[in-house]
Each structure stands twice: as C-alpha cells, then as structure tokens.
C-alpha cells in the first residue's frame, strides 16, 4: 500500500474508533474508565454531590453547612432549589463559586394571598403569640405548614405563609467536595 493511503487508513481507524491490528492480534480501542476519579467527574444528572456552602440573603447570613460536614444531595432529583441546581451542573471537585439565585428560581416571589388573617382563638391555648414568631401546624386538609406571625390585633392574628426566603435574591458560596455516581 502507498504511504498516502496508509495515512488515510490510519486516520479513518482513529476517527471511527475501529480496533487496531498489530502483529495479527486484535487490540480493542480503550474505553474510558467507569471508575473515573472524583476530581474529573462533573456534576450531572444522578450524581451524588457533597458540597460546603454558605447562604446569604440581603447581606445577612441565613444558613451554612457545618464545618467538616458537607451538604449531600443527588443532582437532578429536585432536592435543592432549581436555580442552585441548574448553576451547579458541570462543576468539578475543588471548584468554588459564588452563585446568585433569583427569587423566581429560589423560593418564588412573595405571594400576597399567602398572608391570611385568622381569629385569635384558632391559635392553640398554649401559644402566647408575638409578632415575628414562627408557628407550624397542619391545615384542614392535613398538610403541614409553617407560618410567621406578621401582626397581632385584639381578636385576629395575621399569618404570613410565604417561605421566609420568598422574594429574596440568594447568594450561595459553594465548594464542591465530592462527586460520585448515585447508587
């Protein structure tokens, strides 16, 4: 075979991934390792992720992972807010980022209809209501809820059922600690 034809054949073999023949023995093209080191894996669907984080809203510290105890979640399963999950995709072990999440991709905008006024007597007798106090309970359909007392009047209490971070832009500082395929 002419040298030019050999170059074309070699290029086709490499480009198309055909097995290579050497000394009449078949040598398979190498497959990527199924056990890729964690530092090379990227955050993607069904990956178990461990990350350290600190969350602020309106310049105030809101939450953080405890020192030495990374937060764990499985990517793509809706275990964290959508805006954070979307922006974590593609990161690798060792990546550190500041991620801003809008209210629409976080806990949503403040819903004025989630602010309700109830008669004071609907509160348990054991509760001494104060403005700003958080309450939890079960609604008439049996669903759990959390509320914050927004205002007290003589005979009524105004409850805010919005998530405390609704309407807020969130700033996450994250450090990716580990990534592994989810079991």
N, C-alpha and C. Protein backbone atom coordinates (compact mmCIF):
# COMPACT_ATOMS: atom_id res chain seq x y z
N UNK A 1 0.84 -1.17 0.00
CA UNK A 1 0.00 0.00 0.00
C UNK A 1 0.89 1.23 0.00
N UNK A 2 0.47 2.28 -0.70
CA UNK A 2 1.25 3.51 -0.78
C UNK A 2 1.19 4.24 0.56
N UNK A 3 2.25 5.02 0.93
CA UNK A 3 2.26 5.75 2.20
C UNK A 3 1.08 6.69 2.35
N UNK A 4 0.63 7.35 1.29
CA UNK A 4 -0.51 8.27 1.40
C UNK A 4 -1.77 7.51 1.78
N UNK A 5 -1.97 6.32 1.19
CA UNK A 5 -3.14 5.50 1.52
C UNK A 5 -3.08 5.01 2.96
N UNK A 6 -1.88 4.71 3.45
CA UNK A 6 -1.72 4.27 4.84
C UNK A 6 -2.12 5.38 5.80
N UNK A 7 -1.74 6.62 5.47
CA UNK A 7 -2.10 7.75 6.33
C UNK A 7 -3.62 7.93 6.38
N UNK A 8 -4.29 7.81 5.24
CA UNK A 8 -5.74 7.93 5.19
C UNK A 8 -6.38 6.82 5.99
N UNK A 9 -5.90 5.59 5.84
CA UNK A 9 -6.44 4.45 6.56
C UNK A 9 -6.24 4.62 8.07
N UNK A 10 -5.05 5.05 8.47
CA UNK A 10 -4.76 5.25 9.89
C UNK A 10 -5.67 6.34 10.46
N UNK A 11 -5.90 7.41 9.70
CA UNK A 11 -6.78 8.48 10.16
C UNK A 11 -8.20 7.98 10.34
N UNK A 12 -8.69 7.18 9.38
CA UNK A 12 -10.04 6.63 9.48
C UNK A 12 -10.17 5.70 10.68
N UNK A 13 -9.16 4.88 10.89
CA UNK A 13 -9.18 3.95 12.02
C UNK A 13 -9.28 4.74 13.33
N UNK A 14 -8.50 5.80 13.46
CA UNK A 14 -8.52 6.59 14.70
C UNK A 14 -9.82 7.36 14.85
N UNK A 15 -10.30 7.97 13.77
CA UNK A 15 -11.51 8.77 13.84
C UNK A 15 -12.75 7.93 14.09
N UNK A 16 -12.84 6.78 13.46
CA UNK A 16 -14.04 5.96 13.56
C UNK A 16 -13.99 4.98 14.72
N UNK A 17 -12.86 4.88 15.40
CA UNK A 17 -12.76 4.02 16.56
C UNK A 17 -12.68 2.54 16.24
N UNK A 18 -12.26 2.19 15.03
CA UNK A 18 -12.11 0.78 14.71
C UNK A 18 -11.00 0.18 15.54
N UNK A 19 -11.09 -1.13 15.84
CA UNK A 19 -10.00 -1.78 16.56
C UNK A 19 -8.73 -1.74 15.71
N UNK A 20 -7.60 -1.69 16.37
CA UNK A 20 -6.32 -1.66 15.68
C UNK A 20 -5.77 -3.07 15.59
N UNK A 21 -5.10 -3.38 14.49
CA UNK A 21 -4.49 -4.70 14.30
C UNK A 21 -2.99 -4.52 14.35
N UNK A 22 -2.35 -5.34 15.17
CA UNK A 22 -0.90 -5.28 15.29
C UNK A 22 -0.39 -6.70 15.47
N UNK A 23 0.55 -7.11 14.65
CA UNK A 23 1.11 -8.46 14.72
C UNK A 23 0.02 -9.52 14.70
N UNK A 24 -0.99 -9.34 13.86
CA UNK A 24 -2.09 -10.29 13.68
C UNK A 24 -2.94 -10.47 14.94
N UNK A 25 -2.80 -9.59 15.93
CA UNK A 25 -3.65 -9.68 17.13
C UNK A 25 -4.58 -8.47 17.14
N UNK A 26 -5.78 -8.69 17.61
CA UNK A 26 -6.78 -7.63 17.69
C UNK A 26 -6.60 -6.89 19.02
N UNK A 27 -6.44 -5.59 18.96
CA UNK A 27 -6.31 -4.77 20.16
C UNK A 27 -7.49 -3.81 20.16
N UNK A 28 -8.35 -3.91 21.17
CA UNK A 28 -9.53 -3.05 21.25
C UNK A 28 -9.13 -1.63 21.62
N UNK A 29 -9.84 -0.67 21.07
CA UNK A 29 -9.63 0.73 21.46
C UNK A 29 -10.01 0.87 22.93
N UNK A 30 -9.26 1.68 23.68
CA UNK A 30 -9.50 1.83 25.11
C UNK A 30 -10.80 2.56 25.38
N UNK A 31 -11.57 2.02 26.32
CA UNK A 31 -12.79 2.66 26.78
C UNK A 31 -12.45 3.55 27.97
N UNK A 32 -13.15 4.64 28.17
CA UNK A 32 -12.91 5.43 29.37
C UNK A 32 -13.25 4.61 30.60
N UNK A 33 -12.50 4.79 31.65
CA UNK A 33 -12.70 4.04 32.89
C UNK A 33 -14.06 4.36 33.50
N UNK A 34 -14.77 3.32 33.92
CA UNK A 34 -16.05 3.51 34.58
C UNK A 34 -15.84 4.13 35.96
N UNK A 35 -14.65 3.95 36.51
CA UNK A 35 -14.34 4.49 37.83
C UNK A 35 -13.46 5.73 37.68
N UNK A 36 -13.99 6.74 37.03
CA UNK A 36 -13.24 7.98 36.87
C UNK A 36 -12.98 8.60 38.23
N UNK A 37 -11.79 9.16 38.44
CA UNK A 37 -11.54 9.82 39.73
C UNK A 37 -12.56 10.94 39.96
N UNK A 38 -12.96 11.12 41.21
CA UNK A 38 -13.99 12.12 41.55
C UNK A 38 -13.62 13.51 41.06
N UNK A 39 -12.33 13.85 41.10
CA UNK A 39 -11.94 15.20 40.69
C UNK A 39 -12.15 15.45 39.20
N UNK A 40 -12.35 14.38 38.41
CA UNK A 40 -12.58 14.55 36.97
C UNK A 40 -14.06 14.50 36.63
N UNK A 41 -14.89 13.96 37.52
CA UNK A 41 -16.31 13.90 37.26
C UNK A 41 -16.92 15.29 37.34
N UNK A 42 -17.93 15.52 36.53
CA UNK A 42 -18.66 16.79 36.57
C UNK A 42 -20.03 16.53 37.18
N UNK A 43 -20.57 17.54 37.83
CA UNK A 43 -21.92 17.41 38.39
C UNK A 43 -22.89 17.29 37.22
N UNK A 44 -23.68 16.22 37.25
CA UNK A 44 -24.66 15.95 36.20
C UNK A 44 -25.79 15.13 36.82
N UNK A 45 -26.80 14.85 36.03
CA UNK A 45 -27.96 14.08 36.45
C UNK A 45 -27.54 12.81 37.20
N UNK A 46 -28.19 12.55 38.33
CA UNK A 46 -27.98 11.35 39.15
C UNK A 46 -26.58 11.21 39.75
N UNK A 47 -25.89 12.32 39.92
CA UNK A 47 -24.59 12.27 40.60
C UNK A 47 -24.81 12.65 42.07
N UNK A 48 -24.18 11.89 42.96
CA UNK A 48 -24.22 12.20 44.39
C UNK A 48 -23.17 13.28 44.64
N UNK A 49 -23.60 14.41 45.15
CA UNK A 49 -22.72 15.57 45.32
C UNK A 49 -22.59 15.91 46.80
N UNK A 50 -21.37 16.24 47.20
CA UNK A 50 -21.13 16.77 48.54
C UNK A 50 -20.52 18.16 48.36
N UNK A 51 -21.09 19.13 49.06
CA UNK A 51 -20.57 20.49 48.93
C UNK A 51 -20.65 21.22 50.27
N UNK A 52 -19.71 22.12 50.46
CA UNK A 52 -19.78 23.05 51.57
C UNK A 52 -20.45 24.30 51.02
N UNK A 53 -21.28 24.94 51.84
CA UNK A 53 -21.93 26.15 51.34
C UNK A 53 -22.19 27.13 52.47
N UNK A 54 -22.34 28.37 52.08
CA UNK A 54 -22.83 29.43 52.96
C UNK A 54 -23.86 30.21 52.16
N UNK A 55 -24.98 30.51 52.78
CA UNK A 55 -26.07 31.21 52.11
C UNK A 55 -26.33 32.54 52.79
N UNK A 56 -26.40 33.60 51.97
CA UNK A 56 -26.80 34.91 52.48
C UNK A 56 -27.96 35.42 51.65
N UNK A 57 -28.79 36.24 52.28
CA UNK A 57 -29.90 36.91 51.59
C UNK A 57 -29.95 38.32 52.16
N UNK A 58 -30.00 39.30 51.29
CA UNK A 58 -30.00 40.71 51.72
C UNK A 58 -28.80 41.01 52.63
N UNK A 59 -27.67 40.38 52.34
CA UNK A 59 -26.45 40.63 53.10
C UNK A 59 -26.40 39.96 54.47
N UNK A 60 -27.43 39.23 54.82
CA UNK A 60 -27.49 38.56 56.12
C UNK A 60 -27.22 37.06 55.97
N UNK A 61 -26.38 36.51 56.85
CA UNK A 61 -26.13 35.07 56.84
C UNK A 61 -27.43 34.35 57.18
N UNK A 62 -27.76 33.35 56.37
CA UNK A 62 -29.00 32.61 56.55
C UNK A 62 -28.73 31.18 56.99
N UNK A 63 -27.77 30.53 56.33
CA UNK A 63 -27.51 29.12 56.58
C UNK A 63 -26.12 28.78 56.07
N UNK A 64 -25.57 27.70 56.59
CA UNK A 64 -24.27 27.21 56.13
C UNK A 64 -24.14 25.75 56.52
N UNK A 65 -23.35 25.03 55.74
CA UNK A 65 -23.07 23.64 56.12
C UNK A 65 -22.13 23.68 57.32
N UNK A 66 -22.34 22.80 58.30
CA UNK A 66 -21.43 22.77 59.46
C UNK A 66 -20.01 22.41 59.02
N UNK A 67 -19.02 22.96 59.69
CA UNK A 67 -17.62 22.69 59.36
C UNK A 67 -17.37 21.18 59.39
N UNK A 68 -16.76 20.69 58.32
CA UNK A 68 -16.43 19.28 58.23
C UNK A 68 -17.59 18.37 57.92
N UNK A 69 -18.77 18.93 57.68
CA UNK A 69 -19.96 18.13 57.36
C UNK A 69 -20.60 18.66 56.08
N UNK A 70 -20.08 18.28 54.92
CA UNK A 70 -20.64 18.80 53.67
C UNK A 70 -22.11 18.41 53.50
N UNK A 71 -22.84 19.29 52.84
CA UNK A 71 -24.23 19.01 52.47
C UNK A 71 -24.22 17.99 51.34
N UNK A 72 -25.14 17.04 51.37
CA UNK A 72 -25.21 15.98 50.35
C UNK A 72 -26.56 16.03 49.64
N UNK A 73 -26.53 15.86 48.34
CA UNK A 73 -27.77 15.76 47.56
C UNK A 73 -27.47 14.98 46.29
N UNK A 74 -28.53 14.53 45.61
CA UNK A 74 -28.38 13.85 44.32
C UNK A 74 -28.87 14.81 43.24
N UNK A 75 -28.00 15.12 42.31
CA UNK A 75 -28.30 16.13 41.29
C UNK A 75 -29.42 15.64 40.36
N UNK A 76 -30.34 16.54 40.06
CA UNK A 76 -31.41 16.25 39.12
C UNK A 76 -32.66 15.66 39.75
N UNK A 77 -32.68 15.52 41.05
CA UNK A 77 -33.85 14.92 41.72
C UNK A 77 -34.71 15.94 42.46
N UNK A 78 -34.44 17.23 42.24
CA UNK A 78 -35.26 18.27 42.85
C UNK A 78 -35.08 18.38 44.36
N UNK A 79 -33.93 17.98 44.87
CA UNK A 79 -33.68 18.03 46.31
C UNK A 79 -33.21 19.41 46.77
N UNK A 80 -32.82 20.25 45.84
CA UNK A 80 -32.40 21.62 46.16
C UNK A 80 -33.16 22.57 45.23
N UNK A 81 -33.10 23.86 45.53
CA UNK A 81 -33.86 24.82 44.71
C UNK A 81 -33.35 24.80 43.26
N UNK A 82 -34.26 25.00 42.31
CA UNK A 82 -33.92 24.87 40.89
C UNK A 82 -32.77 25.75 40.42
N UNK A 83 -32.73 27.00 40.84
CA UNK A 83 -31.67 27.91 40.37
C UNK A 83 -30.29 27.49 40.82
N UNK A 84 -30.18 26.96 42.01
CA UNK A 84 -28.89 26.47 42.50
C UNK A 84 -28.50 25.20 41.76
N UNK A 85 -29.44 24.28 41.63
CA UNK A 85 -29.15 23.02 40.95
C UNK A 85 -28.68 23.27 39.51
N UNK A 86 -29.36 24.16 38.81
CA UNK A 86 -29.01 24.45 37.42
C UNK A 86 -27.58 25.00 37.32
N UNK A 87 -27.20 25.88 38.24
CA UNK A 87 -25.88 26.51 38.16
C UNK A 87 -24.75 25.64 38.70
N UNK A 88 -25.09 24.58 39.43
CA UNK A 88 -24.06 23.65 39.90
C UNK A 88 -23.65 22.66 38.81
N UNK A 89 -24.54 22.44 37.83
CA UNK A 89 -24.26 21.47 36.77
C UNK A 89 -22.95 21.81 36.07
N UNK A 90 -22.12 20.79 35.89
CA UNK A 90 -20.85 20.96 35.18
C UNK A 90 -19.66 21.27 36.08
N UNK A 91 -19.91 21.60 37.35
CA UNK A 91 -18.78 21.87 38.25
C UNK A 91 -18.07 20.58 38.62
N UNK A 92 -16.82 20.71 39.07
CA UNK A 92 -15.98 19.57 39.44
C UNK A 92 -15.53 19.68 40.89
N UNK A 93 -15.00 18.58 41.42
CA UNK A 93 -14.44 18.60 42.78
C UNK A 93 -13.37 19.68 42.84
N UNK A 94 -13.41 20.47 43.89
CA UNK A 94 -12.44 21.55 44.08
C UNK A 94 -12.92 22.89 43.55
N UNK A 95 -13.97 22.89 42.73
CA UNK A 95 -14.50 24.16 42.22
C UNK A 95 -15.16 24.92 43.37
N UNK A 96 -14.89 26.21 43.43
CA UNK A 96 -15.53 27.10 44.40
C UNK A 96 -16.18 28.22 43.61
N UNK A 97 -17.43 28.52 43.91
CA UNK A 97 -18.17 29.53 43.16
C UNK A 97 -19.07 30.34 44.08
N UNK A 98 -19.40 31.54 43.62
CA UNK A 98 -20.48 32.33 44.21
C UNK A 98 -21.62 32.26 43.21
N UNK A 99 -22.76 31.79 43.67
CA UNK A 99 -23.90 31.57 42.79
C UNK A 99 -25.07 32.43 43.28
N UNK A 100 -25.57 33.28 42.39
CA UNK A 100 -26.72 34.13 42.71
C UNK A 100 -27.97 33.48 42.14
N UNK A 101 -28.99 33.37 42.98
CA UNK A 101 -30.25 32.74 42.58
C UNK A 101 -31.37 33.77 42.76
N UNK A 102 -32.10 34.02 41.67
CA UNK A 102 -33.21 34.98 41.71
C UNK A 102 -34.38 34.38 42.50
N UNK A 103 -35.29 35.23 42.98
CA UNK A 103 -36.46 34.70 43.69
C UNK A 103 -37.25 33.69 42.85
N UNK A 104 -37.34 33.94 41.54
CA UNK A 104 -38.11 33.04 40.68
C UNK A 104 -37.51 31.64 40.62
N UNK A 105 -36.19 31.53 40.76
CA UNK A 105 -35.54 30.22 40.73
C UNK A 105 -35.18 29.72 42.13
N UNK A 106 -35.61 30.50 43.14
CA UNK A 106 -35.35 30.12 44.52
C UNK A 106 -36.65 29.69 45.18
N UNK A 107 -37.12 30.53 46.09
CA UNK A 107 -38.34 30.20 46.84
C UNK A 107 -39.55 30.94 46.31
N UNK A 108 -39.41 31.54 45.13
CA UNK A 108 -40.53 32.20 44.48
C UNK A 108 -40.74 33.62 44.99
N UNK A 109 -41.60 34.35 44.29
CA UNK A 109 -41.91 35.71 44.74
C UNK A 109 -42.83 35.65 45.96
N UNK A 110 -42.94 36.75 46.66
CA UNK A 110 -43.88 36.83 47.78
C UNK A 110 -45.29 36.77 47.21
N UNK A 111 -46.11 35.89 47.76
CA UNK A 111 -47.50 35.73 47.32
C UNK A 111 -48.41 36.45 48.31
N UNK A 112 -49.02 37.58 47.90
CA UNK A 112 -49.88 38.32 48.83
C UNK A 112 -51.04 37.47 49.36
N UNK A 113 -51.47 36.48 48.58
CA UNK A 113 -52.58 35.63 49.03
C UNK A 113 -52.16 34.63 50.10
N UNK A 114 -50.86 34.53 50.34
CA UNK A 114 -50.36 33.64 51.40
C UNK A 114 -50.29 34.37 52.74
N UNK A 115 -50.77 35.60 52.78
CA UNK A 115 -50.88 36.35 54.04
C UNK A 115 -52.36 36.32 54.41
N UNK A 116 -52.66 35.67 55.54
CA UNK A 116 -54.06 35.46 55.92
C UNK A 116 -54.31 35.95 57.34
N UNK A 117 -55.54 36.35 57.57
CA UNK A 117 -55.94 36.79 58.90
C UNK A 117 -56.87 35.73 59.48
N UNK A 118 -56.58 35.31 60.71
CA UNK A 118 -57.40 34.29 61.36
C UNK A 118 -57.85 34.80 62.73
N UNK A 119 -58.95 34.26 63.24
CA UNK A 119 -59.36 34.63 64.60
C UNK A 119 -58.31 34.13 65.61
N UNK A 120 -58.04 34.92 66.62
CA UNK A 120 -57.05 34.57 67.64
C UNK A 120 -57.36 33.23 68.30
N UNK A 121 -58.63 32.93 68.47
CA UNK A 121 -58.99 31.69 69.16
C UNK A 121 -58.61 30.43 68.37
N UNK A 122 -58.23 30.58 67.10
CA UNK A 122 -57.77 29.42 66.33
C UNK A 122 -56.34 29.00 66.71
N UNK A 123 -55.62 29.88 67.39
CA UNK A 123 -54.29 29.52 67.87
C UNK A 123 -54.43 28.60 69.08
N UNK A 124 -53.51 27.65 69.25
CA UNK A 124 -53.58 26.80 70.44
C UNK A 124 -53.49 27.64 71.72
N UNK A 125 -54.20 27.23 72.75
CA UNK A 125 -54.21 27.96 74.02
C UNK A 125 -52.82 28.02 74.64
N UNK A 126 -51.96 27.08 74.29
CA UNK A 126 -50.61 27.04 74.86
C UNK A 126 -49.67 28.05 74.22
N UNK A 127 -50.10 28.69 73.13
CA UNK A 127 -49.26 29.65 72.42
C UNK A 127 -49.56 31.07 72.88
N UNK A 128 -48.51 31.77 73.27
CA UNK A 128 -48.63 33.20 73.56
C UNK A 128 -48.08 33.92 72.33
N UNK A 129 -48.96 34.39 71.44
CA UNK A 129 -48.49 34.93 70.16
C UNK A 129 -47.70 36.23 70.31
N UNK A 130 -46.66 36.33 69.48
CA UNK A 130 -45.85 37.54 69.39
C UNK A 130 -45.55 37.79 67.91
N UNK A 131 -45.49 39.05 67.52
CA UNK A 131 -45.13 39.38 66.13
C UNK A 131 -43.75 38.81 65.82
N UNK A 132 -43.63 38.19 64.66
CA UNK A 132 -42.35 37.60 64.24
C UNK A 132 -42.20 36.14 64.62
N UNK A 133 -43.06 35.65 65.50
CA UNK A 133 -42.99 34.26 65.95
C UNK A 133 -43.31 33.30 64.81
N UNK A 134 -42.59 32.19 64.76
CA UNK A 134 -42.86 31.15 63.76
C UNK A 134 -43.75 30.08 64.37
N UNK A 135 -44.69 29.63 63.59
CA UNK A 135 -45.62 28.58 64.00
C UNK A 135 -45.59 27.47 62.97
N UNK A 136 -45.87 26.26 63.39
CA UNK A 136 -46.06 25.18 62.43
C UNK A 136 -47.32 24.44 62.84
N UNK A 137 -47.94 23.83 61.87
CA UNK A 137 -49.19 23.13 62.15
C UNK A 137 -49.62 22.32 60.96
N UNK A 138 -50.88 21.91 61.00
CA UNK A 138 -51.46 21.11 59.92
C UNK A 138 -52.74 21.81 59.50
N UNK A 139 -52.91 22.00 58.17
CA UNK A 139 -54.11 22.68 57.69
C UNK A 139 -55.30 21.71 57.71
N UNK A 140 -56.51 22.20 57.40
CA UNK A 140 -57.70 21.34 57.44
C UNK A 140 -57.62 20.12 56.51
N UNK A 141 -56.78 20.19 55.46
CA UNK A 141 -56.62 19.04 54.56
C UNK A 141 -55.52 18.09 55.03
N UNK A 142 -54.91 18.38 56.19
CA UNK A 142 -53.88 17.50 56.74
C UNK A 142 -52.47 17.78 56.25
N UNK A 143 -52.28 18.88 55.53
CA UNK A 143 -50.94 19.23 55.03
C UNK A 143 -50.20 20.07 56.07
N UNK A 144 -48.92 19.75 56.31
CA UNK A 144 -48.16 20.56 57.26
C UNK A 144 -47.88 21.95 56.68
N UNK A 145 -47.78 22.94 57.56
CA UNK A 145 -47.44 24.29 57.11
C UNK A 145 -46.60 24.98 58.17
N UNK A 146 -45.90 26.01 57.72
CA UNK A 146 -45.15 26.91 58.62
C UNK A 146 -45.64 28.31 58.33
N UNK A 147 -45.73 29.09 59.37
CA UNK A 147 -46.20 30.47 59.22
C UNK A 147 -45.45 31.36 60.19
N UNK A 148 -45.42 32.63 59.86
CA UNK A 148 -44.82 33.64 60.73
C UNK A 148 -45.93 34.62 61.10
N UNK A 149 -46.00 34.94 62.39
CA UNK A 149 -47.00 35.92 62.82
C UNK A 149 -46.52 37.30 62.37
N UNK A 150 -47.32 37.89 61.51
CA UNK A 150 -46.95 39.19 60.94
C UNK A 150 -47.51 40.33 61.78
N UNK A 151 -48.74 40.15 62.28
CA UNK A 151 -49.39 41.23 63.02
C UNK A 151 -50.39 40.64 64.02
N UNK A 152 -50.49 41.29 65.17
CA UNK A 152 -51.46 40.90 66.20
C UNK A 152 -52.47 42.01 66.40
N UNK A 153 -53.73 41.62 66.49
CA UNK A 153 -54.80 42.57 66.83
C UNK A 153 -55.56 41.97 68.02
N UNK A 154 -56.52 42.70 68.53
CA UNK A 154 -57.26 42.21 69.70
C UNK A 154 -57.91 40.85 69.45
N UNK A 155 -58.53 40.71 68.30
CA UNK A 155 -59.28 39.47 68.04
C UNK A 155 -58.73 38.64 66.88
N UNK A 156 -57.74 39.17 66.16
CA UNK A 156 -57.21 38.44 64.99
C UNK A 156 -55.68 38.40 65.00
N UNK A 157 -55.17 37.48 64.22
CA UNK A 157 -53.73 37.33 64.02
C UNK A 157 -53.50 37.25 62.51
N UNK A 158 -52.54 38.01 62.00
CA UNK A 158 -52.19 37.94 60.58
C UNK A 158 -50.98 37.02 60.45
N UNK A 159 -51.15 35.96 59.64
CA UNK A 159 -50.10 34.97 59.41
C UNK A 159 -49.54 35.12 58.01
N UNK A 160 -48.24 35.00 57.87
CA UNK A 160 -47.58 35.00 56.56
C UNK A 160 -47.11 33.57 56.30
N UNK A 161 -47.73 32.94 55.31
CA UNK A 161 -47.42 31.55 54.97
C UNK A 161 -46.34 31.44 53.89
N UNK A 162 -45.82 32.57 53.41
CA UNK A 162 -44.74 32.53 52.43
C UNK A 162 -43.49 31.94 53.08
N UNK A 163 -42.65 31.31 52.26
CA UNK A 163 -41.35 30.84 52.75
C UNK A 163 -40.58 32.08 53.22
N UNK A 164 -39.82 31.98 54.30
CA UNK A 164 -39.07 33.15 54.78
C UNK A 164 -38.13 33.76 53.74
N UNK A 165 -37.70 32.97 52.75
CA UNK A 165 -36.79 33.49 51.72
C UNK A 165 -37.51 33.83 50.42
N UNK A 166 -38.84 33.77 50.42
CA UNK A 166 -39.60 34.15 49.22
C UNK A 166 -39.33 35.62 48.92
N UNK A 167 -39.17 35.91 47.64
CA UNK A 167 -38.95 37.29 47.20
C UNK A 167 -37.52 37.77 47.38
N UNK A 168 -36.64 36.92 47.85
CA UNK A 168 -35.26 37.35 48.10
C UNK A 168 -34.29 36.76 47.08
N UNK A 169 -33.30 37.57 46.71
CA UNK A 169 -32.20 37.09 45.88
C UNK A 169 -31.21 36.43 46.82
N UNK A 170 -30.81 35.21 46.49
CA UNK A 170 -29.95 34.41 47.35
C UNK A 170 -28.54 34.36 46.81
N UNK A 171 -27.56 34.42 47.69
CA UNK A 171 -26.16 34.28 47.30
C UNK A 171 -25.59 33.07 48.02
N UNK A 172 -25.21 32.06 47.23
CA UNK A 172 -24.58 30.85 47.76
C UNK A 172 -23.10 30.91 47.46
N UNK A 173 -22.28 30.64 48.46
CA UNK A 173 -20.85 30.42 48.25
C UNK A 173 -20.67 28.92 48.43
N UNK A 174 -20.25 28.24 47.35
CA UNK A 174 -20.15 26.78 47.40
C UNK A 174 -18.74 26.32 47.09
N UNK A 175 -18.40 25.18 47.66
CA UNK A 175 -17.14 24.50 47.37
C UNK A 175 -17.50 23.02 47.18
N UNK A 176 -17.21 22.49 45.99
CA UNK A 176 -17.56 21.11 45.69
C UNK A 176 -16.51 20.19 46.31
N UNK A 177 -16.95 19.29 47.19
CA UNK A 177 -16.06 18.42 47.95
C UNK A 177 -15.95 17.03 47.32
N UNK A 178 -17.07 16.49 46.82
CA UNK A 178 -17.04 15.14 46.25
C UNK A 178 -18.18 14.98 45.25
N UNK A 179 -17.92 14.16 44.24
CA UNK A 179 -18.93 13.81 43.23
C UNK A 179 -18.76 12.33 42.95
N UNK A 180 -19.87 11.59 42.94
CA UNK A 180 -19.82 10.16 42.64
C UNK A 180 -21.13 9.77 41.98
N UNK A 181 -21.11 8.71 41.15
CA UNK A 181 -22.38 8.23 40.60
C UNK A 181 -23.31 7.83 41.75
N UNK A 182 -24.58 8.17 41.63
CA UNK A 182 -25.54 7.83 42.67
C UNK A 182 -25.88 6.35 42.59
N UNK A 183 -26.01 5.70 43.74
CA UNK A 183 -26.35 4.27 43.71
C UNK A 183 -27.73 4.03 43.16
